[in-house]
C-alpha cells in the first residue's frame, strides 16, 4: 500500500514520529480492506506486513507493549493464512520471521 511506503520513507530518513503516524494510518486503511473482504489474501498479507513495520517502529521508539501487540496481530493473520495454505513457502517464511521478531523484542527488553 502506498501509505505504508510513505512510512518506510520517513523511517529511512530518521523521521520516526512521522513514520509511526504513516504506519498507523496505513494499518487502519489495510485493516478496513482486509475486514471488508476476508477472503482477499493479498489484502490480509499487506495488512500483516504493515503491522510488522508498525511493530518495528514502535519497538525502535521504546513502545514494547505496542510493538508486541502489533507483532502478535500480524502473527495471527499469517497463522490463519497458513492454515488455508500450509505449504506456502512465503507464508511459512513470514510466520517464522514474525516469530523471530517477537523473540528479538523479548530478548532486547524493547530496545
Protein backbone atom coordinates (compact mmCIF):
# COMPACT_ATOMS: atom_id res chain seq x y z
CA UNK A 1 0.00 0.00 0.00
CA UNK A 2 1.20 3.47 -0.84
CA UNK A 3 0.71 4.89 2.66
CA UNK A 4 2.97 2.20 4.11
CA UNK A 5 5.65 3.15 1.64
CA UNK A 6 5.48 6.73 2.87
CA UNK A 7 6.08 5.42 6.40
CA UNK A 8 9.10 3.49 5.17
CA UNK A 9 10.48 6.63 3.51
CA UNK A 10 10.11 8.61 6.73
CA UNK A 11 11.73 5.75 8.65
CA UNK A 12 14.70 5.70 6.26
CA UNK A 13 15.08 9.46 6.73
CA UNK A 14 15.15 9.06 10.51
CA UNK A 15 11.81 10.80 10.98
CA UNK A 16 10.46 8.29 13.47
CA UNK A 17 7.33 10.12 14.59
CA UNK A 18 6.23 10.77 11.01
CA UNK A 19 6.96 7.14 10.11
CA UNK A 20 4.91 5.93 13.05
CA UNK A 21 1.97 8.13 12.05
CA UNK A 22 2.07 6.82 8.49
CA UNK A 23 2.33 3.18 9.57
CA UNK A 24 -0.68 3.69 11.85
CA UNK A 25 -2.60 5.32 9.03
CA UNK A 26 -1.69 2.51 6.63
CA UNK A 27 -2.61 -0.19 9.12
CA UNK A 28 -6.05 1.39 9.62
CA UNK A 29 -6.70 1.50 5.90
CA UNK A 30 -5.42 -2.03 5.35
CA UNK A 31 -7.39 -3.37 8.32
CA UNK A 32 -10.57 -1.98 6.78
CA UNK A 33 -9.75 -3.51 3.40
CA UNK A 34 -8.93 -6.90 4.91
CA UNK A 35 -12.08 -6.91 7.02
CA UNK A 36 -14.29 -5.89 4.10
CA UNK A 37 -13.13 -8.93 2.11
CA UNK A 38 -11.80 -11.64 4.46
CA UNK A 39 -11.09 -13.97 1.54
CA UNK A 40 -8.70 -11.49 -0.05
CA UNK A 41 -5.33 -12.95 0.91
CA UNK A 42 -3.47 -10.09 -0.78
CA UNK A 43 -5.20 -7.53 1.45
CA UNK A 44 -4.59 -9.65 4.54
CA UNK A 45 -0.93 -10.12 3.62
CA UNK A 46 -0.48 -6.37 3.08
CA UNK A 47 -2.09 -5.70 6.44
CA UNK A 48 0.21 -8.19 8.19
CA UNK A 49 3.25 -6.63 6.50
CA UNK A 50 2.26 -3.14 7.62
CA UNK A 51 1.67 -4.41 11.15
CA UNK A 52 5.23 -5.74 11.13
CA UNK A 53 6.52 -2.34 10.02
CA UNK A 54 4.42 -0.64 12.67
CA UNK A 55 5.69 -3.04 15.32
CA UNK A 56 9.32 -2.47 14.36
CA UNK A 57 8.82 1.30 14.53
CA UNK A 58 7.11 1.07 17.91
CA UNK A 59 9.92 -1.11 19.23
CA UNK A 60 12.52 1.33 17.96
CA UNK A 61 10.72 4.14 19.75
CA UNK A 62 10.57 2.18 23.01
CA UNK A 63 6.91 1.10 22.97
CA UNK A 64 7.48 -2.56 23.70
CA UNK A 65 3.84 -3.32 24.56
CA UNK A 66 2.56 -1.68 21.40
CA UNK A 67 5.16 -3.47 19.30
CA UNK A 68 4.32 -6.82 20.83
CA UNK A 69 0.59 -6.30 20.20
CA UNK A 70 1.21 -5.42 16.54
CA UNK A 71 3.57 -8.38 16.06
CA UNK A 72 1.02 -10.73 17.63
CA UNK A 73 -1.77 -9.44 15.42
CA UNK A 74 0.44 -9.91 12.34
CA UNK A 75 1.36 -13.41 13.53
CA UNK A 76 -2.32 -14.29 13.95
CA UNK A 77 -3.16 -13.11 10.42
CA UNK A 78 -0.31 -15.11 8.91
CA UNK A 79 -1.22 -18.16 11.02
CA UNK A 80 -4.76 -18.04 9.61
CA UNK A 81 -3.40 -17.69 6.09
CA UNK A 82 -1.06 -20.64 6.65
CA UNK A 83 -3.97 -22.76 7.84
CA UNK A 84 -5.57 -22.22 4.43
CA UNK A 85 -2.33 -22.95 2.55
CA UNK A 86 0.14 -24.75 4.85
CA UNK A 87 2.69 -25.48 2.13
CA UNK A 88 3.06 -21.86 1.02
CA UNK A 89 6.79 -21.08 1.46
CA UNK A 90 6.31 -17.29 1.57
CA UNK A 91 3.78 -17.56 4.36
CA UNK A 92 5.99 -20.03 6.22
CA UNK A 93 8.90 -17.60 5.95
CA UNK A 94 6.73 -14.65 7.04
CA UNK A 95 5.47 -16.63 10.04
CA UNK A 96 9.00 -17.60 11.06
CA UNK A 97 10.17 -14.01 10.58
CA UNK A 98 7.48 -12.60 12.85
CA UNK A 99 8.28 -15.20 15.50
CA UNK A 100 11.93 -14.17 15.25
CA UNK A 101 10.97 -10.50 15.63
CA UNK A 102 8.93 -11.31 18.75
CA UNK A 103 11.84 -13.25 20.28
CA UNK A 104 14.25 -10.42 19.48
CA UNK A 105 11.91 -7.92 21.11
CA UNK A 106 11.60 -10.11 24.20
CA UNK A 107 15.37 -10.56 24.41
CA UNK A 108 16.12 -6.86 23.95
CA UNK A 109 13.72 -5.59 26.56
CA UNK A 110 12.09 -3.47 23.84
CA UNK A 111 15.14 -1.60 22.59
